[in-house]
Amino acid sequence: MSFLKNTTSFTRFNVAEDVNSEIMDNLEAKLRQFAFIDIDETADEQGAGWTSYDDMLDTQFEKSSPRKGEFITFSYRIDTRRISPAVQKKYVTLAVRAEEEKLAELGKKYISKDRKKEIVEQVKLRLRAKTLPVPAYFEVVWDYPNKILYFASTQRSVIDKFSEYFVRTFDVAIEQILPYTLAQNILGKGCEEQLDQLEPTEFNA
């Protein structure tokens, strides 16, 4: 999803606190501190971090500044290695059979449960090392004066990871804006009892 397209889906957050002025004065350094680190040459299952809004390969924010007027823009990149279950099953089976052959030569019949778990982990590690990670990146637009954060994803798992990483980076609490919280913002304090008494409208006969 992208804010540069004609249509997009996104999630909004309230930034509940003021960000430390020192962090904002050194914004680029803070983003670089928590920037995405490439996992191509590793066997890691997943890597995540900040990249430039304009170029997902620019993790040092050298090509364009994240500061655009009153807005701050960057992207959250996640690279994931996905191993086909069928491929994993095949190589686990081959590894287990090879282990059984070794045990048979020693006069043993069964592989222990712990050894089977170890074989599975070894196979997964070997397969991950041979599998290229699939990149995905999600744009972030931070309306700093109004304390509103726009995140170009509606996937629950991605939203949760982004929220945790944002809080870890900037040391501020954020709250996802839901219909209920949006109504609270519009109506002001003391409206909770009124909102709790509302009944859903049925549009189907």
C-alpha atoms as a PDB file:
ATOM      1  CA  MET A   1       0.000   0.000   0.000  1.00  0.00           C
ATOM      2  CA  SER A   2       1.212   3.520  -0.751  1.00  0.00           C
ATOM      3  CA  PHE A   3       0.098   7.052   0.005  1.00  0.00           C
ATOM      4  CA  LEU A   4       1.306   8.003  -3.471  1.00  0.00           C
ATOM      5  CA  LYS A   5      -1.373   5.914  -5.194  1.00  0.00           C
ATOM      6  CA  ASN A   6      -4.851   7.138  -6.108  1.00  0.00           C
ATOM      7  CA  THR A   7      -6.408   5.021  -3.365  1.00  0.00           C
ATOM      8  CA  THR A   8      -4.931   3.309  -0.336  1.00  0.00           C
ATOM      9  CA  SER A   9      -5.865   1.756   2.999  1.00  0.00           C
ATOM     10  CA  PHE A  10      -4.142   2.904   6.150  1.00  0.00           C
ATOM     11  CA  THR A  11      -4.249   2.895   9.936  1.00  0.00           C
ATOM     12  CA  ARG A  12      -4.190   6.032  12.066  1.00  0.00           C
ATOM     13  CA  PHE A  13      -2.668   6.510  15.503  1.00  0.00           C
ATOM     14  CA  ASN A  14      -2.724   9.226  18.128  1.00  0.00           C
ATOM     15  CA  VAL A  15       0.720  10.034  19.469  1.00  0.00           C
ATOM     16  CA  ALA A  16      -0.206  10.260  23.131  1.00  0.00           C
ATOM     17  CA  GLU A  17       2.855  12.152  24.376  1.00  0.00           C
ATOM     18  CA  ASP A  18       5.252  14.886  23.356  1.00  0.00           C
ATOM     19  CA  VAL A  19       8.405  13.484  21.810  1.00  0.00           C
ATOM     20  CA  ASN A  20      11.668  14.378  23.521  1.00  0.00           C
ATOM     21  CA  SER A  21      13.012  17.496  21.776  1.00  0.00           C
ATOM     22  CA  GLU A  22      16.511  16.009  21.668  1.00  0.00           C
ATOM     23  CA  ILE A  23      15.183  13.040  19.692  1.00  0.00           C
ATOM     24  CA  MET A  24      13.451  15.324  17.193  1.00  0.00           C
ATOM     25  CA  ASP A  25      16.558  17.492  16.822  1.00  0.00           C
ATOM     26  CA  ASN A  26      18.492  14.334  15.927  1.00  0.00           C
ATOM     27  CA  LEU A  27      15.691  12.604  14.008  1.00  0.00           C
ATOM     28  CA  GLU A  28      17.872  11.254  11.199  1.00  0.00           C
ATOM     29  CA  ALA A  29      20.353   9.762  13.665  1.00  0.00           C
ATOM     30  CA  LYS A  30      17.519   8.106  15.590  1.00  0.00           C
ATOM     31  CA  LEU A  31      16.076   6.573  12.412  1.00  0.00           C
ATOM     32  CA  ARG A  32      19.530   5.317  11.421  1.00  0.00           C
ATOM     33  CA  GLN A  33      19.976   3.813  14.888  1.00  0.00           C
ATOM     34  CA  PHE A  34      16.867   1.673  14.320  1.00  0.00           C
ATOM     35  CA  ALA A  35      17.262   1.332  10.545  1.00  0.00           C
ATOM     36  CA  PHE A  36      16.643  -1.883   8.672  1.00  0.00           C
ATOM     37  CA  ILE A  37      19.623  -4.267   8.604  1.00  0.00           C
ATOM     38  CA  ASP A  38      19.852  -6.557   5.572  1.00  0.00           C
ATOM     39  CA  ILE A  39      19.502 -10.280   6.332  1.00  0.00           C
ATOM     40  CA  ASP A  40      20.471 -11.581   2.872  1.00  0.00           C
ATOM     41  CA  GLU A  41      23.780 -13.023   4.095  1.00  0.00           C
ATOM     42  CA  THR A  42      22.298 -14.546   7.259  1.00  0.00           C
ATOM     43  CA  ALA A  43      19.904 -17.361   8.071  1.00  0.00           C
ATOM     44  CA  ASP A  44      17.578 -15.063  10.043  1.00  0.00           C
ATOM     45  CA  GLU A  45      13.896 -15.685   9.483  1.00  0.00           C
ATOM     46  CA  GLN A  46      12.925 -12.024   9.610  1.00  0.00           C
ATOM     47  CA  GLY A  47      14.450  -8.551   9.733  1.00  0.00           C
ATOM     48  CA  ALA A  48      12.699  -5.226  10.288  1.00  0.00           C
ATOM     49  CA  GLY A  49      13.523  -1.535  10.610  1.00  0.00           C
ATOM     50  CA  TRP A  50      13.198   1.958   9.170  1.00  0.00           C
ATOM     51  CA  THR A  51      14.095   2.973   5.632  1.00  0.00           C
ATOM     52  CA  SER A  52      13.628   6.095   3.520  1.00  0.00           C
ATOM     53  CA  TYR A  53      10.093   6.948   2.396  1.00  0.00           C
ATOM     54  CA  ASP A  54      11.382   7.440  -1.152  1.00  0.00           C
ATOM     55  CA  ASP A  55      13.718   4.437  -1.451  1.00  0.00           C
ATOM     56  CA  MET A  56      13.431   1.248   0.588  1.00  0.00           C
ATOM     57  CA  LEU A  57      17.147   0.544  -0.027  1.00  0.00           C
ATOM     58  CA  ASP A  58      18.208   3.839   1.562  1.00  0.00           C
ATOM     59  CA  THR A  59      18.603   2.926   5.234  1.00  0.00           C
ATOM     60  CA  GLN A  60      20.895   5.889   5.960  1.00  0.00           C
ATOM     61  CA  PHE A  61      18.435   8.552   4.725  1.00  0.00           C
ATOM     62  CA  GLU A  62      21.077  10.040   2.454  1.00  0.00           C
ATOM     63  CA  LYS A  63      18.998  10.551  -0.703  1.00  0.00           C
ATOM     64  CA  SER A  64      16.104  12.463   0.838  1.00  0.00           C
ATOM     65  CA  SER A  65      15.289  13.956   4.199  1.00  0.00           C
ATOM     66  CA  PRO A  66      12.465  12.467   6.296  1.00  0.00           C
ATOM     67  CA  ARG A  67      11.435  16.044   7.141  1.00  0.00           C
ATOM     68  CA  LYS A  68       8.881  17.355   4.652  1.00  0.00           C
ATOM     69  CA  GLY A  69       7.431  20.599   5.916  1.00  0.00           C
ATOM     70  CA  GLU A  70       5.559  19.897   9.139  1.00  0.00           C
ATOM     71  CA  PHE A  71       5.430  16.180   8.309  1.00  0.00           C
ATOM     72  CA  ILE A  72       7.935  13.413   8.969  1.00  0.00           C
ATOM     73  CA  THR A  73       8.020  10.573   6.443  1.00  0.00           C
ATOM     74  CA  PHE A  74       9.801   7.229   6.424  1.00  0.00           C
ATOM     75  CA  SER A  75       8.981   3.553   5.852  1.00  0.00           C
ATOM     76  CA  TYR A  76       8.848   0.397   7.932  1.00  0.00           C
ATOM     77  CA  ARG A  77      10.508  -2.471   6.069  1.00  0.00           C
ATOM     78  CA  ILE A  78      10.073  -6.160   6.906  1.00  0.00           C
ATOM     79  CA  ASP A  79      12.028  -8.893   5.108  1.00  0.00           C
ATOM     80  CA  THR A  80      10.764 -12.434   5.691  1.00  0.00           C
ATOM     81  CA  ARG A  81      12.055 -15.823   4.636  1.00  0.00           C
ATOM     82  CA  ARG A  82       9.179 -18.135   3.750  1.00  0.00           C
ATOM     83  CA  ILE A  83       9.897 -21.850   3.433  1.00  0.00           C
ATOM     84  CA  SER A  84       7.270 -23.961   1.705  1.00  0.00           C
ATOM     85  CA  PRO A  85       5.799 -26.508   4.170  1.00  0.00           C
ATOM     86  CA  ALA A  86       6.071 -29.170   1.458  1.00  0.00           C
ATOM     87  CA  VAL A  87       9.788 -28.423   0.958  1.00  0.00           C
ATOM     88  CA  GLN A  88      10.422 -28.482   4.698  1.00  0.00           C
ATOM     89  CA  LYS A  89       8.553 -31.778   5.088  1.00  0.00           C
ATOM     90  CA  LYS A  90      10.604 -33.358   2.284  1.00  0.00           C
ATOM     91  CA  TYR A  91      13.979 -32.440   3.752  1.00  0.00           C
ATOM     92  CA  VAL A  92      12.973 -33.278   7.319  1.00  0.00           C
ATOM     93  CA  THR A  93      11.906 -36.735   6.099  1.00  0.00           C
ATOM     94  CA  LEU A  94      15.235 -37.214   4.307  1.00  0.00           C
ATOM     95  CA  ALA A  95      17.176 -36.109   7.380  1.00  0.00           C
ATOM     96  CA  VAL A  96      15.176 -38.398   9.701  1.00  0.00           C
ATOM     97  CA  ARG A  97      15.723 -41.384   7.426  1.00  0.00           C
ATOM     98  CA  ALA A  98      19.454 -40.668   7.259  1.00  0.00           C
ATOM     99  CA  GLU A  99      19.515 -40.537  11.063  1.00  0.00           C
ATOM    100  CA  GLU A 100      17.612 -43.842  11.266  1.00  0.00           C
ATOM    101  CA  GLU A 101      20.197 -45.479   9.000  1.00  0.00           C
ATOM    102  CA  LYS A 102      23.024 -44.297  11.258  1.00  0.00           C
ATOM    103  CA  LEU A 103      21.225 -45.621  14.341  1.00  0.00           C
ATOM    104  CA  ALA A 104      20.556 -48.970  12.634  1.00  0.00           C
ATOM    105  CA  GLU A 105      24.299 -49.402  12.102  1.00  0.00           C
ATOM    106  CA  LEU A 106      24.717 -48.946  15.850  1.00  0.00           C
ATOM    107  CA  GLY A 107      21.955 -51.461  16.616  1.00  0.00           C
ATOM    108  CA  LYS A 108      19.433 -48.823  17.693  1.00  0.00           C
ATOM    109  CA  LYS A 109      15.855 -48.566  16.404  1.00  0.00           C
ATOM    110  CA  TYR A 110      14.331 -45.290  17.521  1.00  0.00           C
ATOM    111  CA  ILE A 111      15.173 -41.591  17.353  1.00  0.00           C
ATOM    112  CA  SER A 112      14.466 -39.719  20.574  1.00  0.00           C
ATOM    113  CA  LYS A 113      11.879 -36.954  20.583  1.00  0.00           C
ATOM    114  CA  ASP A 114      14.529 -34.357  21.449  1.00  0.00           C
ATOM    115  CA  ARG A 115      16.733 -35.535  18.575  1.00  0.00           C
ATOM    116  CA  LYS A 116      13.811 -35.250  16.132  1.00  0.00           C
ATOM    117  CA  LYS A 117      13.226 -31.654  17.257  1.00  0.00           C
ATOM    118  CA  GLU A 118      16.921 -30.944  16.777  1.00  0.00           C
ATOM    119  CA  ILE A 119      16.813 -32.393  13.241  1.00  0.00           C
ATOM    120  CA  VAL A 120      13.804 -30.232  12.341  1.00  0.00           C
ATOM    121  CA  GLU A 121      15.582 -27.076  13.569  1.00  0.00           C
ATOM    122  CA  GLN A 122      18.753 -27.982  11.676  1.00  0.00           C
ATOM    123  CA  VAL A 123      16.777 -28.516   8.462  1.00  0.00           C
ATOM    124  CA  LYS A 124      14.927 -25.212   8.888  1.00  0.00           C
ATOM    125  CA  LEU A 125      18.219 -23.406   9.467  1.00  0.00           C
ATOM    126  CA  ARG A 126      19.772 -24.905   6.306  1.00  0.00           C
ATOM    127  CA  LEU A 127      16.716 -24.083   4.203  1.00  0.00           C
ATOM    128  CA  ARG A 128      16.559 -20.496   5.504  1.00  0.00           C
ATOM    129  CA  ALA A 129      20.213 -20.006   4.585  1.00  0.00           C
ATOM    130  CA  LYS A 130      19.368 -20.988   1.001  1.00  0.00           C
ATOM    131  CA  THR A 131      16.136 -18.969   0.758  1.00  0.00           C
ATOM    132  CA  LEU A 132      16.111 -15.306  -0.281  1.00  0.00           C
ATOM    133  CA  PRO A 133      14.052 -13.082   2.023  1.00  0.00           C
ATOM    134  CA  VAL A 134      10.962 -11.407   0.567  1.00  0.00           C
ATOM    135  CA  PRO A 135      10.917  -7.627   1.222  1.00  0.00           C
ATOM    136  CA  ALA A 136       7.843  -5.590   2.114  1.00  0.00           C
ATOM    137  CA  TYR A 137       7.718  -1.958   3.159  1.00  0.00           C
ATOM    138  CA  PHE A 138       4.976   0.223   4.553  1.00  0.00           C
ATOM    139  CA  GLU A 139       5.001   4.013   4.397  1.00  0.00           C
ATOM    140  CA  VAL A 140       4.705   6.177   7.495  1.00  0.00           C
ATOM    141  CA  VAL A 141       3.511   9.789   7.535  1.00  0.00           C
ATOM    142  CA  TRP A 142       3.753  11.562  10.882  1.00  0.00           C
ATOM    143  CA  ASP A 143       1.712  14.741  11.260  1.00  0.00           C
ATOM    144  CA  TYR A 144       3.946  15.994  14.033  1.00  0.00           C
ATOM    145  CA  PRO A 145       2.100  19.208  15.038  1.00  0.00           C
ATOM    146  CA  ASN A 146      -1.254  17.409  15.326  1.00  0.00           C
ATOM    147  CA  LYS A 147       0.216  14.225  16.866  1.00  0.00           C
ATOM    148  CA  ILE A 148      -1.338  11.967  14.219  1.00  0.00           C
ATOM    149  CA  LEU A 149       0.460   9.009  12.664  1.00  0.00           C
ATOM    150  CA  TYR A 150      -0.584   7.453   9.327  1.00  0.00           C
ATOM    151  CA  PHE A 151       0.627   3.931   8.619  1.00  0.00           C
ATOM    152  CA  ALA A 152       0.042   2.363   5.188  1.00  0.00           C
ATOM    153  CA  SER A 153      -1.193  -1.041   6.313  1.00  0.00           C
ATOM    154  CA  THR A 154      -4.300  -2.590   7.836  1.00  0.00           C
ATOM    155  CA  GLN A 155      -2.760  -6.021   8.544  1.00  0.00           C
ATOM    156  CA  ARG A 156      -3.081  -6.756  12.251  1.00  0.00           C
ATOM    157  CA  SER A 157       0.258  -8.551  12.554  1.00  0.00           C
ATOM    158  CA  VAL A 158       2.114  -5.745  10.733  1.00  0.00           C
ATOM    159  CA  ILE A 159       0.358  -3.045  12.775  1.00  0.00           C
ATOM    160  CA  ASP A 160       1.384  -4.733  16.025  1.00  0.00           C
ATOM    161  CA  LYS A 161       5.029  -5.030  14.955  1.00  0.00           C
ATOM    162  CA  PHE A 162       5.101  -1.434  13.710  1.00  0.00           C
ATOM    163  CA  SER A 163       3.541  -0.091  16.923  1.00  0.00           C
ATOM    164  CA  GLU A 164       6.053  -1.907  19.098  1.00  0.00           C
ATOM    165  CA  TYR A 165       9.000  -0.742  16.990  1.00  0.00           C
ATOM    166  CA  PHE A 166       7.815   2.875  16.865  1.00  0.00           C
ATOM    167  CA  VAL A 167       7.460   3.009  20.662  1.00  0.00           C
ATOM    168  CA  ARG A 168      10.885   1.402  21.050  1.00  0.00           C
ATOM    169  CA  THR A 169      12.445   3.978  18.700  1.00  0.00           C
ATOM    170  CA  PHE A 170      10.851   7.198  19.924  1.00  0.00           C
ATOM    171  CA  ASP A 171       9.948   6.225  23.494  1.00  0.00           C
ATOM    172  CA  VAL A 172       6.381   7.540  23.220  1.00  0.00           C
ATOM    173  CA  ALA A 173       3.016   5.818  23.554  1.00  0.00           C
ATOM    174  CA  ILE A 174       0.714   5.625  20.536  1.00  0.00           C
ATOM    175  CA  GLU A 175      -2.945   4.609  20.348  1.00  0.00           C
ATOM    176  CA  GLN A 176      -4.678   3.244  17.286  1.00  0.00           C
ATOM    177  CA  ILE A 177      -7.634   5.410  16.259  1.00  0.00           C
ATOM    178  CA  LEU A 178     -10.754   3.222  16.162  1.00  0.00           C
ATOM    179  CA  PRO A 179     -14.334   4.383  15.565  1.00  0.00           C
ATOM    180  CA  TYR A 180     -14.849   4.552  19.339  1.00  0.00           C
ATOM    181  CA  THR A 181     -11.719   6.614  20.001  1.00  0.00           C
ATOM    182  CA  LEU A 182     -12.519   8.843  17.009  1.00  0.00           C
ATOM    183  CA  ALA A 183     -15.951   9.555  18.506  1.00  0.00           C
ATOM    184  CA  GLN A 184     -14.256  10.383  21.810  1.00  0.00           C
ATOM    185  CA  ASN A 185     -12.008  12.877  20.047  1.00  0.00           C
ATOM    186  CA  ILE A 186     -14.967  14.541  18.325  1.00  0.00           C
ATOM    187  CA  LEU A 187     -17.330  14.636  21.312  1.00  0.00           C
ATOM    188  CA  GLY A 188     -14.735  15.409  23.972  1.00  0.00           C
ATOM    189  CA  LYS A 189     -14.257  14.162  27.501  1.00  0.00           C
ATOM    190  CA  GLY A 190     -17.153  12.683  29.428  1.00  0.00           C
ATOM    191  CA  CYS A 191     -18.858  11.123  26.390  1.00  0.00           C
ATOM    192  CA  GLU A 192     -18.042   7.497  27.240  1.00  0.00           C
ATOM    193  CA  GLU A 193     -21.365   6.727  28.931  1.00  0.00           C
ATOM    194  CA  GLN A 194     -23.262   8.181  25.971  1.00  0.00           C
ATOM    195  CA  LEU A 195     -21.218   6.145  23.498  1.00  0.00           C
ATOM    196  CA  ASP A 196     -21.596   2.943  25.500  1.00  0.00           C
ATOM    197  CA  GLN A 197     -25.389   3.247  25.267  1.00  0.00           C
ATOM    198  CA  LEU A 198     -25.448   3.414  21.466  1.00  0.00           C
ATOM    199  CA  GLU A 199     -26.955   0.473  19.588  1.00  0.00           C
ATOM    200  CA  PRO A 200     -25.632  -0.712  16.209  1.00  0.00           C
ATOM    201  CA  THR A 201     -27.768   0.162  13.173  1.00  0.00           C
ATOM    202  CA  GLU A 202     -29.006  -2.700  10.984  1.00  0.00           C
ATOM    203  CA  PHE A 203     -29.111  -1.788   7.294  1.00  0.00           C
ATOM    204  CA  ASN A 204     -30.459  -5.157   6.095  1.00  0.00           C
ATOM    205  CA  ALA A 205     -34.176  -5.844   6.228  1.00  0.00           C
END
